C-alpha cells in the first residue's frame, strides 16, 4: 500500500510516517510540505490513503481534499488540524473526507483507532470534533442555517476589509445588491458594526479557509 502525507510541520510528518510504516505496513509513504506539492503528487501517483493538514500553505487543505474527491469518492482521507472551529468542522463533515482528528486529541491510540476505522471505510471524528459537530447541528441559530450562501460570502469579504465596490466586481453584482446582502446578514446575526462582524468571523473560523469563498468546489 502507498500513502501520501501532506503536512507543513516536519515533526508531525515524521510521526505520521513512522506510525503508518510500523503499525499499518505501508510499502511506500510519500511526504508533501504544502497543498500544491500534495496535489501534484496526487496527480502523478496512485495512493490508497491520504493524511492532510487542513491549514496548508499555498493550497488550502479543504480545497485540496475536494479536488481529490472530485476524482472519485473512493479516496480514503484523514484530515488533521490544530483548528476545530464551527466552519472547519462543518466543511469537513460535508466534504466527503472520512476522518478528522483535532491535533489536540492526537495520541498514539487515537490515531491508530482513526486510521483503522478509515481503512475499513468508516467515518471517524475525534472527541473535540464530535463536540463541535453536535453543537452546530443542534443550534437552530447557527450562522449557516440562517444565512444564504451569498450572504455568508459577502460577509466573509467584508470581514477581510474589502470595499463594497471590490466585492461587487469580484462577484459580478451591483453595489446596491452587496449592501442589501450585508444589511440582511448582519440583521440576521444581530451584528451591529464591522468590528462585531470581524469578531464573529474569527470566532467561527470563517476567515481561515479559502473554500469559504468558493461555492463551486
Foldseek 3Di string as FASTA:
>chain_A
DEEEEEAQDPVVLVVVVCLCCPPPPDPYYHYHNFLVVSLVVVVVDPHQEYEYEQQGPPAGNLRSLLVSCVVDLNRAYAYEYCDQFLVVLVSCVPRSHQEYEYPVQDDSVLVVVCVVQSNVVHHYYDPSNVVSVVVQVPDCLRLPNQADLVLLLLLLCVLVVDDLVVVCVVVVHDSVVSVVSPVSSCVSVVNDDSVSSNVVCVRRVCNRHPVSNPPPD
